[in-house]
Amino acid sequence: MNVLSVDVILQFGLLIGILISAYLTISFRDLLSAALASASMSLLLSLEFYLLHAPDVAIAEAAVGAGVVTAIIVYGIAKTERWEREAP
């Protein structure tokens, strides 16, 4: 195996992880779990940016996407209800 194929396999694995995290984000009924799945998706996306040789974008995505946005969402969940209600 050469280096290119290992890089492609790693990027494909990250893509699968991003897609699974995105699906879990929209399917969880527990809003805190959905926020944590969104944070994991953002961290995987920042790893993908780093592998694509964009470290400045990776740092911004990790700081804003996984850090600030997740903290704001968790704060909003703490001020409201944690579980999503059933549709009428």
C-alpha atoms as a PDB file:
ATOM      1  CA  MET A   1       0.000   0.000   0.000  1.00  0.00           C
ATOM      2  CA  ASN A   2       1.366   3.359  -0.906  1.00  0.00           C
ATOM      3  CA  VAL A   3       0.783   6.638   0.915  1.00  0.00           C
ATOM      4  CA  LEU A   4      -1.904   7.845  -1.467  1.00  0.00           C
ATOM      5  CA  SER A   5      -4.166   4.871  -0.859  1.00  0.00           C
ATOM      6  CA  VAL A   6      -3.801   5.199   2.926  1.00  0.00           C
ATOM      7  CA  ASP A   7      -4.761   8.878   2.657  1.00  0.00           C
ATOM      8  CA  VAL A   8      -7.808   8.041   0.537  1.00  0.00           C
ATOM      9  CA  ILE A   9      -8.882   5.310   2.979  1.00  0.00           C
ATOM     10  CA  LEU A  10      -8.499   7.718   5.913  1.00  0.00           C
ATOM     11  CA  GLN A  11     -10.522  10.424   4.173  1.00  0.00           C
ATOM     12  CA  PHE A  12     -13.219   7.915   3.257  1.00  0.00           C
ATOM     13  CA  GLY A  13     -13.403   6.787   6.890  1.00  0.00           C
ATOM     14  CA  LEU A  14     -13.741  10.397   8.023  1.00  0.00           C
ATOM     15  CA  LEU A  15     -16.499  10.952   5.460  1.00  0.00           C
ATOM     16  CA  ILE A  16     -18.413   7.932   6.768  1.00  0.00           C
ATOM     17  CA  GLY A  17     -17.984   9.240  10.330  1.00  0.00           C
ATOM     18  CA  ILE A  18     -19.248  12.688   9.312  1.00  0.00           C
ATOM     19  CA  LEU A  19     -22.305  11.174   7.639  1.00  0.00           C
ATOM     20  CA  ILE A  20     -23.087   8.949  10.643  1.00  0.00           C
ATOM     21  CA  SER A  21     -22.723  11.899  13.030  1.00  0.00           C
ATOM     22  CA  ALA A  22     -24.971  14.048  10.837  1.00  0.00           C
ATOM     23  CA  TYR A  23     -27.628  11.316  10.774  1.00  0.00           C
ATOM     24  CA  LEU A  24     -27.444  10.891  14.538  1.00  0.00           C
ATOM     25  CA  THR A  25     -27.747  14.655  15.005  1.00  0.00           C
ATOM     26  CA  ILE A  26     -31.093  14.773  13.224  1.00  0.00           C
ATOM     27  CA  SER A  27     -32.442  11.476  14.573  1.00  0.00           C
ATOM     28  CA  PHE A  28     -31.848  11.794  18.344  1.00  0.00           C
ATOM     29  CA  ARG A  29     -34.874  12.784  20.446  1.00  0.00           C
ATOM     30  CA  ASP A  30     -32.574  13.794  23.314  1.00  0.00           C
ATOM     31  CA  LEU A  31     -31.388  17.296  22.453  1.00  0.00           C
ATOM     32  CA  LEU A  32     -28.185  17.027  24.501  1.00  0.00           C
ATOM     33  CA  SER A  33     -27.186  13.885  22.609  1.00  0.00           C
ATOM     34  CA  ALA A  34     -27.958  15.664  19.340  1.00  0.00           C
ATOM     35  CA  ALA A  35     -25.724  18.571  20.372  1.00  0.00           C
ATOM     36  CA  LEU A  36     -22.866  16.188  21.203  1.00  0.00           C
ATOM     37  CA  ALA A  37     -23.305  14.370  17.883  1.00  0.00           C
ATOM     38  CA  SER A  38     -23.142  17.743  16.140  1.00  0.00           C
ATOM     39  CA  ALA A  39     -19.925  18.555  17.997  1.00  0.00           C
ATOM     40  CA  SER A  40     -18.401  15.229  16.958  1.00  0.00           C
ATOM     41  CA  MET A  41     -19.395  15.929  13.353  1.00  0.00           C
ATOM     42  CA  SER A  42     -17.651  19.293  13.570  1.00  0.00           C
ATOM     43  CA  LEU A  43     -14.497  17.730  14.993  1.00  0.00           C
ATOM     44  CA  LEU A  44     -14.418  15.110  12.234  1.00  0.00           C
ATOM     45  CA  LEU A  45     -14.929  17.860   9.674  1.00  0.00           C
ATOM     46  CA  SER A  46     -12.018  19.818  11.120  1.00  0.00           C
ATOM     47  CA  LEU A  47      -9.837  16.690  10.805  1.00  0.00           C
ATOM     48  CA  GLU A  48     -10.899  16.432   7.164  1.00  0.00           C
ATOM     49  CA  PHE A  49      -9.933  20.052   6.564  1.00  0.00           C
ATOM     50  CA  TYR A  50      -6.547  19.383   8.141  1.00  0.00           C
ATOM     51  CA  LEU A  51      -5.982  16.386   5.877  1.00  0.00           C
ATOM     52  CA  LEU A  52      -6.864  18.571   2.888  1.00  0.00           C
ATOM     53  CA  HIS A  53      -4.004  20.915   3.916  1.00  0.00           C
ATOM     54  CA  ALA A  54      -6.181  23.744   5.204  1.00  0.00           C
ATOM     55  CA  PRO A  55      -5.028  24.033   8.837  1.00  0.00           C
ATOM     56  CA  ASP A  56      -6.399  27.557   9.305  1.00  0.00           C
ATOM     57  CA  VAL A  57      -9.889  26.409   8.293  1.00  0.00           C
ATOM     58  CA  ALA A  58      -9.521  23.322  10.515  1.00  0.00           C
ATOM     59  CA  ILE A  59      -8.672  25.453  13.552  1.00  0.00           C
ATOM     60  CA  ALA A  60     -11.594  27.790  12.886  1.00  0.00           C
ATOM     61  CA  GLU A  61     -14.005  24.871  12.438  1.00  0.00           C
ATOM     62  CA  ALA A  62     -12.828  23.208  15.635  1.00  0.00           C
ATOM     63  CA  ALA A  63     -13.039  26.416  17.661  1.00  0.00           C
ATOM     64  CA  VAL A  64     -16.332  27.708  16.321  1.00  0.00           C
ATOM     65  CA  GLY A  65     -18.173  24.541  15.309  1.00  0.00           C
ATOM     66  CA  ALA A  66     -17.208  22.233  18.136  1.00  0.00           C
ATOM     67  CA  GLY A  67     -16.530  24.852  20.791  1.00  0.00           C
ATOM     68  CA  VAL A  68     -18.643  27.982  20.706  1.00  0.00           C
ATOM     69  CA  VAL A  69     -21.719  26.669  18.881  1.00  0.00           C
ATOM     70  CA  THR A  70     -21.920  23.546  21.056  1.00  0.00           C
ATOM     71  CA  ALA A  71     -21.608  25.638  24.225  1.00  0.00           C
ATOM     72  CA  ILE A  72     -24.409  27.967  23.070  1.00  0.00           C
ATOM     73  CA  ILE A  73     -26.666  25.021  22.181  1.00  0.00           C
ATOM     74  CA  VAL A  74     -26.020  23.268  25.511  1.00  0.00           C
ATOM     75  CA  TYR A  75     -26.753  26.538  27.334  1.00  0.00           C
ATOM     76  CA  GLY A  76     -30.032  26.856  25.422  1.00  0.00           C
ATOM     77  CA  ILE A  77     -30.957  23.256  26.262  1.00  0.00           C
ATOM     78  CA  ALA A  78     -30.231  23.930  29.937  1.00  0.00           C
ATOM     79  CA  LYS A  79     -32.671  26.861  29.887  1.00  0.00           C
ATOM     80  CA  THR A  80     -35.442  24.841  28.175  1.00  0.00           C
ATOM     81  CA  GLU A  81     -36.452  21.180  28.020  1.00  0.00           C
ATOM     82  CA  ARG A  82     -33.960  18.454  27.213  1.00  0.00           C
ATOM     83  CA  TRP A  83     -36.260  16.102  25.333  1.00  0.00           C
ATOM     84  CA  GLU A  84     -38.018  16.829  22.069  1.00  0.00           C
ATOM     85  CA  ARG A  85     -41.799  16.518  22.302  1.00  0.00           C
ATOM     86  CA  GLU A  86     -43.883  14.102  20.265  1.00  0.00           C
ATOM     87  CA  ALA A  87     -45.656  15.537  17.243  1.00  0.00           C
ATOM     88  CA  PRO A  88     -49.410  16.089  17.783  1.00  0.00           C
END
